[in-house]
PDB file of N, CA and C in Angstrom:
ATOM      1  N   MET A   1     -70.448  61.742   0.892  1.00  0.00           N
ATOM      2  CA  MET A   1     -70.160  61.354  -0.473  1.00  0.00           C
ATOM      3  C   MET A   1     -71.230  60.366  -0.944  1.00  0.00           C
ATOM      4  N   HIS A   2     -71.719  60.560  -2.141  1.00  0.00           N
ATOM      5  CA  HIS A   2     -72.749  59.693  -2.706  1.00  0.00           C
ATOM      6  C   HIS A   2     -72.086  58.494  -3.370  1.00  0.00           C
ATOM      7  N   GLU A   3     -72.806  57.392  -3.390  1.00  0.00           N
ATOM      8  CA  GLU A   3     -72.264  56.147  -3.912  1.00  0.00           C
ATOM      9  C   GLU A   3     -73.392  55.386  -4.612  1.00  0.00           C
ATOM     10  N   ILE A   4     -73.039  54.529  -5.546  1.00  0.00           N
ATOM     11  CA  ILE A   4     -74.024  53.710  -6.247  1.00  0.00           C
ATOM     12  C   ILE A   4     -74.159  52.386  -5.493  1.00  0.00           C
ATOM     13  N   SER A   5     -75.382  52.040  -5.132  1.00  0.00           N
ATOM     14  CA  SER A   5     -75.632  50.790  -4.409  1.00  0.00           C
ATOM     15  C   SER A   5     -76.176  49.734  -5.371  1.00  0.00           C
ATOM     16  N   PHE A   6     -76.165  48.488  -4.927  1.00  0.00           N
ATOM     17  CA  PHE A   6     -76.784  47.428  -5.720  1.00  0.00           C
ATOM     18  C   PHE A   6     -78.275  47.682  -5.857  1.00  0.00           C
ATOM     19  N   GLU A   7     -78.871  48.272  -4.835  1.00  0.00           N
ATOM     20  CA  GLU A   7     -80.295  48.603  -4.887  1.00  0.00           C
ATOM     21  C   GLU A   7     -80.583  49.580  -6.026  1.00  0.00           C
ATOM     22  N   SER A   8     -79.677  50.560  -6.221  1.00  0.00           N
ATOM     23  CA  SER A   8     -79.907  51.517  -7.315  1.00  0.00           C
ATOM     24  C   SER A   8     -79.744  50.847  -8.674  1.00  0.00           C
ATOM     25  N   LEU A   9     -78.936  49.782  -8.759  1.00  0.00           N
ATOM     26  CA  LEU A   9     -78.820  49.046 -10.022  1.00  0.00           C
ATOM     27  C   LEU A   9     -80.096  48.264 -10.301  1.00  0.00           C
ATOM     28  N   THR A  10     -80.672  47.672  -9.259  1.00  0.00           N
ATOM     29  CA  THR A  10     -81.873  46.852  -9.457  1.00  0.00           C
ATOM     30  C   THR A  10     -83.095  47.681  -9.807  1.00  0.00           C
ATOM     31  N   SER A  11     -83.060  48.973  -9.530  1.00  0.00           N
ATOM     32  CA  SER A  11     -84.220  49.810  -9.846  1.00  0.00           C
ATOM     33  C   SER A  11     -84.211  50.299 -11.291  1.00  0.00           C
ATOM     34  N   ALA A  12     -83.162  49.993 -12.048  1.00  0.00           N
ATOM     35  CA  ALA A  12     -83.118  50.390 -13.460  1.00  0.00           C
ATOM     36  C   ALA A  12     -84.191  49.628 -14.232  1.00  0.00           C
ATOM     37  N   PRO A  13     -84.862  50.302 -15.173  1.00  0.00           N
ATOM     38  CA  PRO A  13     -85.991  49.675 -15.864  1.00  0.00           C
ATOM     39  C   PRO A  13     -85.629  48.424 -16.667  1.00  0.00           C
ATOM     40  N   ASP A  14     -84.419  48.325 -17.190  1.00  0.00           N
ATOM     41  CA  ASP A  14     -84.064  47.163 -18.020  1.00  0.00           C
ATOM     42  C   ASP A  14     -83.297  46.082 -17.250  1.00  0.00           C
ATOM     43  N   VAL A  15     -83.361  46.115 -15.917  1.00  0.00           N
ATOM     44  CA  VAL A  15     -82.710  45.097 -15.093  1.00  0.00           C
ATOM     45  C   VAL A  15     -83.784  44.190 -14.507  1.00  0.00           C
ATOM     46  N   ALA A  16     -83.649  42.890 -14.756  1.00  0.00           N
ATOM     47  CA  ALA A  16     -84.619  41.920 -14.238  1.00  0.00           C
ATOM     48  C   ALA A  16     -84.602  41.922 -12.719  1.00  0.00           C
ATOM     49  N   ALA A  17     -85.778  41.746 -12.130  1.00  0.00           N
ATOM     50  CA  ALA A  17     -85.918  41.801 -10.674  1.00  0.00           C
ATOM     51  C   ALA A  17     -85.058  40.763  -9.963  1.00  0.00           C
ATOM     52  N   ASP A  18     -84.799  39.628 -10.604  1.00  0.00           N
ATOM     53  CA  ASP A  18     -84.006  38.580  -9.960  1.00  0.00           C
ATOM     54  C   ASP A  18     -82.525  38.616 -10.341  1.00  0.00           C
ATOM     55  N   SER A  19     -82.044  39.756 -10.837  1.00  0.00           N
ATOM     56  CA  SER A  19     -80.633  39.882 -11.207  1.00  0.00           C
ATOM     57  C   SER A  19     -79.709  39.850  -9.992  1.00  0.00           C
ATOM     58  N   PHE A  20     -80.152  40.430  -8.890  1.00  0.00           N
ATOM     59  CA  PHE A  20     -79.356  40.449  -7.656  1.00  0.00           C
ATOM     60  C   PHE A  20     -80.207  39.900  -6.529  1.00  0.00           C
ATOM     61  N   LEU A  21     -79.591  39.142  -5.636  1.00  0.00           N
ATOM     62  CA  LEU A  21     -80.295  38.674  -4.457  1.00  0.00           C
ATOM     63  C   LEU A  21     -79.317  38.627  -3.291  1.00  0.00           C
ATOM     64  N   VAL A  22     -79.872  38.660  -2.104  1.00  0.00           N
ATOM     65  CA  VAL A  22     -79.062  38.569  -0.896  1.00  0.00           C
ATOM     66  C   VAL A  22     -79.378  37.229  -0.262  1.00  0.00           C
ATOM     67  N   ASP A  23     -78.325  36.451  -0.021  1.00  0.00           N
ATOM     68  CA  ASP A  23     -78.470  35.136   0.588  1.00  0.00           C
ATOM     69  C   ASP A  23     -77.439  34.999   1.693  1.00  0.00           C
ATOM     70  N   ARG A  24     -77.906  34.876   2.927  1.00  0.00           N
ATOM     71  CA  ARG A  24     -77.038  34.721   4.104  1.00  0.00           C
ATOM     72  C   ARG A  24     -75.954  35.808   4.163  1.00  0.00           C
ATOM     73  N   GLY A  25     -76.362  37.047   3.936  1.00  0.00           N
ATOM     74  CA  GLY A  25     -75.438  38.171   4.048  1.00  0.00           C
ATOM     75  C   GLY A  25     -74.505  38.347   2.863  1.00  0.00           C
ATOM     76  N   GLN A  26     -74.758  37.657   1.755  1.00  0.00           N
ATOM     77  CA  GLN A  26     -73.940  37.766   0.548  1.00  0.00           C
ATOM     78  C   GLN A  26     -74.788  38.295  -0.604  1.00  0.00           C
ATOM     79  N   VAL A  27     -74.293  39.298  -1.323  1.00  0.00           N
ATOM     80  CA  VAL A  27     -74.979  39.774  -2.523  1.00  0.00           C
ATOM     81  C   VAL A  27     -74.551  38.872  -3.677  1.00  0.00           C
ATOM     82  N   MET A  28     -75.522  38.255  -4.313  1.00  0.00           N
ATOM     83  CA  MET A  28     -75.268  37.337  -5.421  1.00  0.00           C
ATOM     84  C   MET A  28     -75.855  37.915  -6.705  1.00  0.00           C
ATOM     85  N   MET A  29     -75.211  37.611  -7.835  1.00  0.00           N
ATOM     86  CA  MET A  29     -75.691  38.091  -9.123  1.00  0.00           C
ATOM     87  C   MET A  29     -76.093  36.902 -10.000  1.00  0.00           C
ATOM     88  N   ASN A  30     -77.268  37.003 -10.594  1.00  0.00           N
ATOM     89  CA  ASN A  30     -77.730  36.030 -11.570  1.00  0.00           C
ATOM     90  C   ASN A  30     -77.365  36.615 -12.939  1.00  0.00           C
ATOM     91  N   VAL A  31     -76.239  36.185 -13.487  1.00  0.00           N
ATOM     92  CA  VAL A  31     -75.735  36.745 -14.740  1.00  0.00           C
ATOM     93  C   VAL A  31     -76.751  36.568 -15.860  1.00  0.00           C
ATOM     94  N   SER A  32     -77.373  35.402 -15.936  1.00  0.00           N
ATOM     95  CA  SER A  32     -78.370  35.157 -16.995  1.00  0.00           C
ATOM     96  C   SER A  32     -79.501  36.173 -16.942  1.00  0.00           C
ATOM     97  N   ALA A  33     -80.037  36.407 -15.755  1.00  0.00           N
ATOM     98  CA  ALA A  33     -81.129  37.379 -15.609  1.00  0.00           C
ATOM     99  C   ALA A  33     -80.645  38.779 -15.943  1.00  0.00           C
ATOM    100  N   PHE A  34     -79.435  39.130 -15.512  1.00  0.00           N
ATOM    101  CA  PHE A  34     -78.928  40.487 -15.703  1.00  0.00           C
ATOM    102  C   PHE A  34     -78.694  40.816 -17.175  1.00  0.00           C
ATOM    103  N   ILE A  35     -78.059  39.893 -17.929  1.00  0.00           N
ATOM    104  CA  ILE A  35     -77.787  40.211 -19.335  1.00  0.00           C
ATOM    105  C   ILE A  35     -78.912  39.800 -20.270  1.00  0.00           C
ATOM    106  N   GLY A  36     -79.882  39.030 -19.738  1.00  0.00           N
ATOM    107  CA  GLY A  36     -81.058  38.703 -20.529  1.00  0.00           C
ATOM    108  C   GLY A  36     -80.906  37.518 -21.460  1.00  0.00           C
ATOM    109  N   ARG A  37     -79.957  36.636 -21.177  1.00  0.00           N
ATOM    110  CA  ARG A  37     -79.824  35.406 -21.966  1.00  0.00           C
ATOM    111  C   ARG A  37     -79.191  34.327 -21.098  1.00  0.00           C
ATOM    112  N   PRO A  38     -79.416  33.069 -21.429  1.00  0.00           N
ATOM    113  CA  PRO A  38     -78.877  31.991 -20.601  1.00  0.00           C
ATOM    114  C   PRO A  38     -77.348  31.956 -20.577  1.00  0.00           C
ATOM    115  N   VAL A  39     -76.801  31.807 -19.391  1.00  0.00           N
ATOM    116  CA  VAL A  39     -75.364  31.579 -19.190  1.00  0.00           C
ATOM    117  C   VAL A  39     -75.298  30.464 -18.162  1.00  0.00           C
ATOM    118  N   GLY A  40     -75.040  29.244 -18.616  1.00  0.00           N
ATOM    119  CA  GLY A  40     -75.135  28.095 -17.739  1.00  0.00           C
ATOM    120  C   GLY A  40     -73.826  27.457 -17.341  1.00  0.00           C
ATOM    121  N   ASP A  41     -72.698  28.018 -17.787  1.00  0.00           N
ATOM    122  CA  ASP A  41     -71.416  27.390 -17.484  1.00  0.00           C
ATOM    123  C   ASP A  41     -70.329  28.456 -17.388  1.00  0.00           C
ATOM    124  N   LEU A  42     -69.340  28.206 -16.542  1.00  0.00           N
ATOM    125  CA  LEU A  42     -68.240  29.166 -16.389  1.00  0.00           C
ATOM    126  C   LEU A  42     -67.419  29.330 -17.664  1.00  0.00           C
ATOM    127  N   SER A  43     -67.508  28.391 -18.581  1.00  0.00           N
ATOM    128  CA  SER A  43     -66.733  28.485 -19.821  1.00  0.00           C
ATOM    129  C   SER A  43     -67.420  29.343 -20.886  1.00  0.00           C
ATOM    130  N   GLU A  44     -68.642  29.798 -20.622  1.00  0.00           N
ATOM    131  CA  GLU A  44     -69.357  30.605 -21.618  1.00  0.00           C
ATOM    132  C   GLU A  44     -68.753  31.991 -21.770  1.00  0.00           C
ATOM    133  N   SER A  45     -68.807  32.511 -22.981  1.00  0.00           N
ATOM    134  CA  SER A  45     -68.265  33.834 -23.294  1.00  0.00           C
ATOM    135  C   SER A  45     -69.334  34.889 -23.086  1.00  0.00           C
ATOM    136  N   ALA A  46     -69.388  35.463 -21.879  1.00  0.00           N
ATOM    137  CA  ALA A  46     -70.374  36.493 -21.589  1.00  0.00           C
ATOM    138  C   ALA A  46     -69.772  37.603 -20.743  1.00  0.00           C
ATOM    139  N   VAL A  47     -68.471  37.582 -20.500  1.00  0.00           N
ATOM    140  CA  VAL A  47     -67.845  38.543 -19.598  1.00  0.00           C
ATOM    141  C   VAL A  47     -67.912  39.963 -20.150  1.00  0.00           C
ATOM    142  N   VAL A  48     -67.586  40.155 -21.419  1.00  0.00           N
ATOM    143  CA  VAL A  48     -67.622  41.502 -22.007  1.00  0.00           C
ATOM    144  C   VAL A  48     -69.048  42.031 -22.002  1.00  0.00           C
ATOM    145  N   GLU A  49     -70.000  41.172 -22.342  1.00  0.00           N
ATOM    146  CA  GLU A  49     -71.414  41.559 -22.333  1.00  0.00           C
ATOM    147  C   GLU A  49     -71.861  41.959 -20.920  1.00  0.00           C
ATOM    148  N   LEU A  50     -71.437  41.193 -19.918  1.00  0.00           N
ATOM    149  CA  LEU A  50     -71.775  41.486 -18.525  1.00  0.00           C
ATOM    150  C   LEU A  50     -71.187  42.823 -18.089  1.00  0.00           C
ATOM    151  N   ILE A  51     -69.915  43.043 -18.364  1.00  0.00           N
ATOM    152  CA  ILE A  51     -69.268  44.291 -17.947  1.00  0.00           C
ATOM    153  C   ILE A  51     -69.890  45.490 -18.661  1.00  0.00           C
ATOM    154  N   TYR A  52     -70.175  45.346 -19.957  1.00  0.00           N
ATOM    155  CA  TYR A  52     -70.801  46.438 -20.697  1.00  0.00           C
ATOM    156  C   TYR A  52     -72.159  46.787 -20.093  1.00  0.00           C
ATOM    157  N   LYS A  53     -72.961  45.754 -19.780  1.00  0.00           N
ATOM    158  CA  LYS A  53     -74.286  46.009 -19.190  1.00  0.00           C
ATOM    159  C   LYS A  53     -74.148  46.645 -17.811  1.00  0.00           C
ATOM    160  N   LEU A  54     -73.169  46.188 -17.013  1.00  0.00           N
ATOM    161  CA  LEU A  54     -72.928  46.808 -15.699  1.00  0.00           C
ATOM    162  C   LEU A  54     -72.599  48.292 -15.855  1.00  0.00           C
ATOM    163  N   ILE A  55     -71.752  48.617 -16.825  1.00  0.00           N
ATOM    164  CA  ILE A  55     -71.391  50.028 -17.057  1.00  0.00           C
ATOM    165  C   ILE A  55     -72.617  50.822 -17.490  1.00  0.00           C
ATOM    166  N   GLN A  56     -73.426  50.271 -18.393  1.00  0.00           N
ATOM    167  CA  GLN A  56     -74.643  50.968 -18.836  1.00  0.00           C
ATOM    168  C   GLN A  56     -75.576  51.250 -17.667  1.00  0.00           C
ATOM    169  N   VAL A  57     -75.843  50.224 -16.878  1.00  0.00           N
ATOM    170  CA  VAL A  57     -76.786  50.355 -15.768  1.00  0.00           C
ATOM    171  C   VAL A  57     -76.227  51.277 -14.688  1.00  0.00           C
ATOM    172  N   ALA A  58     -74.930  51.159 -14.389  1.00  0.00           N
ATOM    173  CA  ALA A  58     -74.319  52.028 -13.378  1.00  0.00           C
ATOM    174  C   ALA A  58     -74.296  53.482 -13.847  1.00  0.00           C
ATOM    175  N   ALA A  59     -74.054  53.718 -15.136  1.00  0.00           N
ATOM    176  CA  ALA A  59     -74.070  55.088 -15.663  1.00  0.00           C
ATOM    177  C   ALA A  59     -75.463  55.696 -15.529  1.00  0.00           C
ATOM    178  N   ALA A  60     -76.501  54.890 -15.792  1.00  0.00           N
ATOM    179  CA  ALA A  60     -77.877  55.381 -15.646  1.00  0.00           C
ATOM    180  C   ALA A  60     -78.196  55.666 -14.177  1.00  0.00           C
ATOM    181  N   ALA A  61     -77.761  54.777 -13.271  1.00  0.00           N
ATOM    182  CA  ALA A  61     -77.983  54.996 -11.835  1.00  0.00           C
ATOM    183  C   ALA A  61     -77.244  56.246 -11.373  1.00  0.00           C
ATOM    184  N   GLN A  62     -76.039  56.441 -11.878  1.00  0.00           N
ATOM    185  CA  GLN A  62     -75.246  57.631 -11.541  1.00  0.00           C
ATOM    186  C   GLN A  62     -75.981  58.902 -11.957  1.00  0.00           C
ATOM    187  N   GLN A  63     -76.546  58.909 -13.158  1.00  0.00           N
ATOM    188  CA  GLN A  63     -77.297  60.082 -13.633  1.00  0.00           C
ATOM    189  C   GLN A  63     -78.495  60.363 -12.729  1.00  0.00           C
ATOM    190  N   GLU A  64     -79.185  59.290 -12.345  1.00  0.00           N
ATOM    191  CA  GLU A  64     -80.358  59.453 -11.484  1.00  0.00           C
ATOM    192  C   GLU A  64     -79.963  60.009 -10.117  1.00  0.00           C
ATOM    193  N   ILE A  65     -78.886  59.488  -9.542  1.00  0.00           N
ATOM    194  CA  ILE A  65     -78.414  59.981  -8.242  1.00  0.00           C
ATOM    195  C   ILE A  65     -77.988  61.439  -8.362  1.00  0.00           C
ATOM    196  N   ASN A  66     -77.246  61.769  -9.411  1.00  0.00           N
ATOM    197  CA  ASN A  66     -76.774  63.147  -9.611  1.00  0.00           C
ATOM    198  C   ASN A  66     -77.927  64.126  -9.822  1.00  0.00           C
ATOM    199  N   ALA A  67     -79.024  63.641 -10.398  1.00  0.00           N
ATOM    200  CA  ALA A  67     -80.185  64.513 -10.626  1.00  0.00           C
ATOM    201  C   ALA A  67     -80.849  64.881  -9.308  1.00  0.00           C
ATOM    202  N   GLY A  68     -80.658  64.054  -8.280  1.00  0.00           N
ATOM    203  CA  GLY A  68     -81.245  64.354  -6.973  1.00  0.00           C
ATOM    204  C   GLY A  68     -82.749  64.214  -6.991  1.00  0.00           C
ATOM    205  N   ASP A  69     -83.366  64.557  -5.904  1.00  0.00           N
ATOM    206  CA  ASP A  69     -84.831  64.519  -5.791  1.00  0.00           C
ATOM    207  C   ASP A  69     -85.390  65.904  -6.078  1.00  0.00           C
ATOM    208  N   GLY A  70     -85.375  66.280  -7.331  1.00  0.00           N
ATOM    209  CA  GLY A  70     -85.910  67.574  -7.714  1.00  0.00           C
ATOM    210  C   GLY A  70     -84.870  68.659  -7.874  1.00  0.00           C
ATOM    211  N   SER A  71     -83.722  68.541  -7.207  1.00  0.00           N
ATOM    212  CA  SER A  71     -82.656  69.516  -7.429  1.00  0.00           C
ATOM    213  C   SER A  71     -81.337  68.759  -7.558  1.00  0.00           C
ATOM    214  N   PRO A  72     -80.597  69.033  -8.633  1.00  0.00           N
ATOM    215  CA  PRO A  72     -79.343  68.309  -8.900  1.00  0.00           C
ATOM    216  C   PRO A  72     -78.330  68.483  -7.773  1.00  0.00           C
ATOM    217  N   LEU A  73     -77.501  67.460  -7.587  1.00  0.00           N
ATOM    218  CA  LEU A  73     -76.432  67.548  -6.598  1.00  0.00           C
ATOM    219  C   LEU A  73     -75.435  68.620  -7.018  1.00  0.00           C
ATOM    220  N   PRO A  74     -74.822  69.333  -6.071  1.00  0.00           N
ATOM    221  CA  PRO A  74     -73.794  70.309  -6.422  1.00  0.00           C
ATOM    222  C   PRO A  74     -72.599  69.617  -7.090  1.00  0.00           C
ATOM    223  N   ALA A  75     -71.863  70.355  -7.889  1.00  0.00           N
ATOM    224  CA  ALA A  75     -70.749  69.799  -8.671  1.00  0.00           C
ATOM    225  C   ALA A  75     -69.788  68.966  -7.826  1.00  0.00           C
ATOM    226  N   GLY A  76     -69.436  69.388  -6.656  1.00  0.00           N
ATOM    227  CA  GLY A  76     -68.476  68.665  -5.831  1.00  0.00           C
ATOM    228  C   GLY A  76     -69.015  67.387  -5.214  1.00  0.00           C
ATOM    229  N   GLU A  77     -70.339  67.170  -5.304  1.00  0.00           N
ATOM    230  CA  GLU A  77     -70.952  65.979  -4.712  1.00  0.00           C
ATOM    231  C   GLU A  77     -71.416  64.961  -5.749  1.00  0.00           C
ATOM    232  N   ARG A  78     -71.321  65.310  -7.016  1.00  0.00           N
ATOM    233  CA  ARG A  78     -71.794  64.406  -8.069  1.00  0.00           C
ATOM    234  C   ARG A  78     -70.866  63.211  -8.231  1.00  0.00           C
ATOM    235  N   ILE A  79     -71.452  62.088  -8.576  1.00  0.00           N
ATOM    236  CA  ILE A  79     -70.681  60.888  -8.893  1.00  0.00           C
ATOM    237  C   ILE A  79     -70.225  61.009 -10.347  1.00  0.00           C
ATOM    238  N   ALA A  80     -68.969  60.706 -10.602  1.00  0.00           N
ATOM    239  CA  ALA A  80     -68.431  60.781 -11.964  1.00  0.00           C
ATOM    240  C   ALA A  80     -67.603  59.541 -12.282  1.00  0.00           C
ATOM    241  N   ALA A  81     -68.080  58.384 -11.847  1.00  0.00           N
ATOM    242  CA  ALA A  81     -67.317  57.147 -12.024  1.00  0.00           C
ATOM    243  C   ALA A  81     -67.534  56.512 -13.394  1.00  0.00           C
ATOM    244  N   PHE A  82     -68.705  56.705 -13.977  1.00  0.00           N
ATOM    245  CA  PHE A  82     -69.045  56.014 -15.216  1.00  0.00           C
ATOM    246  C   PHE A  82     -69.382  56.996 -16.323  1.00  0.00           C
ATOM    247  N   THR A  83     -68.703  56.856 -17.445  1.00  0.00           N
ATOM    248  CA  THR A  83     -69.069  57.653 -18.612  1.00  0.00           C
ATOM    249  C   THR A  83     -70.092  56.850 -19.405  1.00  0.00           C
ATOM    250  N   ALA A  84     -70.987  57.533 -20.054  1.00  0.00           N
ATOM    251  CA  ALA A  84     -71.927  56.836 -20.937  1.00  0.00           C
ATOM    252  C   ALA A  84     -71.130  56.279 -22.113  1.00  0.00           C
ATOM    253  N   PRO A  85     -71.423  55.059 -22.539  1.00  0.00           N
ATOM    254  CA  PRO A  85     -70.673  54.477 -23.654  1.00  0.00           C
ATOM    255  C   PRO A  85     -70.789  55.310 -24.923  1.00  0.00           C
ATOM    256  N   ALA A  86     -69.663  55.466 -25.619  1.00  0.00           N
ATOM    257  CA  ALA A  86     -69.638  56.145 -26.917  1.00  0.00           C
ATOM    258  C   ALA A  86     -69.804  55.069 -27.986  1.00  0.00           C
ATOM    259  N   MET A  87     -70.784  55.250 -28.830  1.00  0.00           N
ATOM    260  CA  MET A  87     -71.086  54.252 -29.858  1.00  0.00           C
ATOM    261  C   MET A  87     -70.468  54.644 -31.195  1.00  0.00           C
ATOM    262  N   GLN A  88     -69.852  53.679 -31.852  1.00  0.00           N
ATOM    263  CA  GLN A  88     -69.325  53.878 -33.198  1.00  0.00           C
ATOM    264  C   GLN A  88     -70.422  53.544 -34.211  1.00  0.00           C
ATOM    265  N   PRO A  89     -70.261  54.014 -35.446  1.00  0.00           N
ATOM    266  CA  PRO A  89     -71.279  53.712 -36.465  1.00  0.00           C
ATOM    267  C   PRO A  89     -71.419  52.201 -36.678  1.00  0.00           C
ATOM    268  N   PRO A  90     -72.606  51.735 -37.050  1.00  0.00           N
ATOM    269  CA  PRO A  90     -72.820  50.305 -37.310  1.00  0.00           C
ATOM    270  C   PRO A  90     -71.919  49.792 -38.432  1.00  0.00           C
ATOM    271  N   ARG A  91     -71.550  48.506 -38.316  1.00  0.00           N
ATOM    272  CA  ARG A  91     -70.707  47.838 -39.319  1.00  0.00           C
ATOM    273  C   ARG A  91     -71.245  46.431 -39.544  1.00  0.00           C
ATOM    274  N   LEU A  92     -70.715  45.791 -40.574  1.00  0.00           N
ATOM    275  CA  LEU A  92     -71.032  44.389 -40.823  1.00  0.00           C
ATOM    276  C   LEU A  92     -69.866  43.534 -40.355  1.00  0.00           C
ATOM    277  N   SER A  93     -70.178  42.455 -39.659  1.00  0.00           N
ATOM    278  CA  SER A  93     -69.139  41.514 -39.239  1.00  0.00           C
ATOM    279  C   SER A  93     -68.821  40.597 -40.415  1.00  0.00           C
ATOM    280  N   PRO A  94     -67.712  39.848 -40.335  1.00  0.00           N
ATOM    281  CA  PRO A  94     -67.371  38.931 -41.431  1.00  0.00           C
ATOM    282  C   PRO A  94     -68.476  37.922 -41.754  1.00  0.00           C
ATOM    283  N   ASP A  95     -69.313  37.588 -40.763  1.00  0.00           N
ATOM    284  CA  ASP A  95     -70.401  36.638 -41.031  1.00  0.00           C
ATOM    285  C   ASP A  95     -71.690  37.344 -41.472  1.00  0.00           C
ATOM    286  N   GLY A  96     -71.601  38.651 -41.759  1.00  0.00           N
ATOM    287  CA  GLY A  96     -72.733  39.384 -42.310  1.00  0.00           C
ATOM    288  C   GLY A  96     -73.700  39.972 -41.306  1.00  0.00           C
ATOM    289  N   LYS A  97     -73.396  39.887 -40.021  1.00  0.00           N
ATOM    290  CA  LYS A  97     -74.283  40.450 -38.992  1.00  0.00           C
ATOM    291  C   LYS A  97     -73.916  41.906 -38.723  1.00  0.00           C
ATOM    292  N   LEU A  98     -74.924  42.700 -38.402  1.00  0.00           N
ATOM    293  CA  LEU A  98     -74.729  44.110 -38.092  1.00  0.00           C
ATOM    294  C   LEU A  98     -74.313  44.254 -36.626  1.00  0.00           C
ATOM    295  N   TYR A  99     -73.313  45.079 -36.344  1.00  0.00           N
ATOM    296  CA  TYR A  99     -72.872  45.316 -34.968  1.00  0.00           C
ATOM    297  C   TYR A  99     -72.358  46.741 -34.832  1.00  0.00           C
ATOM    298  N   SER A 100     -72.159  47.169 -33.602  1.00  0.00           N
ATOM    299  CA  SER A 100     -71.580  48.475 -33.316  1.00  0.00           C
ATOM    300  C   SER A 100     -70.599  48.308 -32.162  1.00  0.00           C
ATOM    301  N   MET A 101     -69.527  49.058 -32.170  1.00  0.00           N
ATOM    302  CA  MET A 101     -68.538  49.025 -31.095  1.00  0.00           C
ATOM    303  C   MET A 101     -68.892  50.123 -30.092  1.00  0.00           C
ATOM    304  N   ALA A 102     -68.763  49.808 -28.812  1.00  0.00           N
ATOM    305  CA  ALA A 102     -69.018  50.770 -27.747  1.00  0.00           C
ATOM    306  C   ALA A 102     -67.759  50.904 -26.906  1.00  0.00           C
ATOM    307  N   THR A 103     -67.427  52.134 -26.514  1.00  0.00           N
ATOM    308  CA  THR A 103     -66.276  52.382 -25.664  1.00  0.00           C
ATOM    309  C   THR A 103     -66.754  53.159 -24.444  1.00  0.00           C
ATOM    310  N   ALA A 104     -66.337  52.684 -23.270  1.00  0.00           N
ATOM    311  CA  ALA A 104     -66.718  53.354 -22.026  1.00  0.00           C
ATOM    312  C   ALA A 104     -65.538  53.280 -21.063  1.00  0.00           C
ATOM    313  N   SER A 105     -65.589  54.097 -20.030  1.00  0.00           N
ATOM    314  CA  SER A 105     -64.524  54.036 -19.030  1.00  0.00           C
ATOM    315  C   SER A 105     -65.125  54.112 -17.636  1.00  0.00           C
ATOM    316  N   VAL A 106     -64.330  53.637 -16.682  1.00  0.00           N
ATOM    317  CA  VAL A 106     -64.734  53.651 -15.278  1.00  0.00           C
ATOM    318  C   VAL A 106     -63.625  54.335 -14.498  1.00  0.00           C
ATOM    319  N   THR A 107     -63.993  55.273 -13.639  1.00  0.00           N
ATOM    320  CA  THR A 107     -63.031  55.947 -12.772  1.00  0.00           C
ATOM    321  C   THR A 107     -63.307  55.501 -11.346  1.00  0.00           C
ATOM    322  N   ALA A 108     -62.278  54.985 -10.686  1.00  0.00           N
ATOM    323  CA  ALA A 108     -62.459  54.474  -9.327  1.00  0.00           C
ATOM    324  C   ALA A 108     -61.466  55.135  -8.378  1.00  0.00           C
ATOM    325  N   MET A 109     -61.933  55.428  -7.167  1.00  0.00           N
ATOM    326  CA  MET A 109     -61.051  55.942  -6.126  1.00  0.00           C
ATOM    327  C   MET A 109     -60.611  54.729  -5.305  1.00  0.00           C
ATOM    328  N   LEU A 110     -59.302  54.449  -5.312  1.00  0.00           N
ATOM    329  CA  LEU A 110     -58.769  53.273  -4.645  1.00  0.00           C
ATOM    330  C   LEU A 110     -57.952  53.666  -3.426  1.00  0.00           C
ATOM    331  N   PRO A 111     -58.119  52.952  -2.329  1.00  0.00           N
ATOM    332  CA  PRO A 111     -57.349  53.282  -1.128  1.00  0.00           C
ATOM    333  C   PRO A 111     -55.872  52.908  -1.300  1.00  0.00           C
ATOM    334  N   ILE A 112     -55.015  53.701  -0.700  1.00  0.00           N
ATOM    335  CA  ILE A 112     -53.575  53.436  -0.730  1.00  0.00           C
ATOM    336  C   ILE A 112     -53.107  53.288   0.705  1.00  0.00           C
ATOM    337  N   LYS A 113     -52.373  52.232   0.966  1.00  0.00           N
ATOM    338  CA  LYS A 113     -51.787  52.037   2.292  1.00  0.00           C
ATOM    339  C   LYS A 113     -50.383  52.627   2.262  1.00  0.00           C
ATOM    340  N   VAL A 114     -50.160  53.630   3.091  1.00  0.00           N
ATOM    341  CA  VAL A 114     -48.854  54.288   3.137  1.00  0.00           C
ATOM    342  C   VAL A 114     -47.808  53.262   3.566  1.00  0.00           C
ATOM    343  N   GLY A 115     -46.693  53.244   2.857  1.00  0.00           N
ATOM    344  CA  GLY A 115     -45.626  52.310   3.151  1.00  0.00           C
ATOM    345  C   GLY A 115     -45.790  50.993   2.405  1.00  0.00           C
ATOM    346  N   GLU A 116     -46.906  50.809   1.740  1.00  0.00           N
ATOM    347  CA  GLU A 116     -47.149  49.581   0.994  1.00  0.00           C
ATOM    348  C   GLU A 116     -47.497  49.898  -0.454  1.00  0.00           C
ATOM    349  N   ALA A 117     -46.968  50.984  -0.988  1.00  0.00           N
ATOM    350  CA  ALA A 117     -47.301  51.386  -2.349  1.00  0.00           C
ATOM    351  C   ALA A 117     -46.740  50.372  -3.334  1.00  0.00           C
ATOM    352  N   ILE A 118     -47.641  49.697  -4.011  1.00  0.00           N
ATOM    353  CA  ILE A 118     -47.286  48.718  -5.024  1.00  0.00           C
ATOM    354  C   ILE A 118     -48.117  49.049  -6.253  1.00  0.00           C
ATOM    355  N   ALA A 119     -47.470  49.019  -7.412  1.00  0.00           N
ATOM    356  CA  ALA A 119     -48.199  49.308  -8.646  1.00  0.00           C
ATOM    357  C   ALA A 119     -49.274  48.243  -8.863  1.00  0.00           C
ATOM    358  N   PRO A 120     -50.464  48.655  -9.311  1.00  0.00           N
ATOM    359  CA  PRO A 120     -51.520  47.680  -9.590  1.00  0.00           C
ATOM    360  C   PRO A 120     -51.092  46.694 -10.655  1.00  0.00           C
ATOM    361  N   LYS A 121     -51.561  45.453 -10.544  1.00  0.00           N
ATOM    362  CA  LYS A 121     -51.265  44.456 -11.566  1.00  0.00           C
ATOM    363  C   LYS A 121     -51.978  44.838 -12.841  1.00  0.00           C
ATOM    364  N   GLN A 122     -51.291  44.727 -13.933  1.00  0.00           N
ATOM    365  CA  GLN A 122     -51.848  45.081 -15.234  1.00  0.00           C
ATOM    366  C   GLN A 122     -52.490  43.884 -15.891  1.00  0.00           C
TER     367      GLN A 122
END
């Protein structure tokens, strides 16, 4: 089964080289480098921007993996975890700035422990 690695995320053209690093066996993320703007405090509002960028980059990595090295992966082996974001037409915000809404989804295969079936927290 094919999987998306952190290495495949770092090879995306719009991801800064210092977005991910390994330190003492831990993969660390530099949020500021990844989203392309300073984020210096845990109270900053950048979570939606971070998740959206992760989905964009992972969707691109997924496409590259599925394309294979010259011949596409067979249907049963393709990764289908990330849909490309669907963009709505541009609008004006109340403060007069132009913006667009993006909608995307993530499909994940989660392990289930038999005898311990508990509904996921919402």
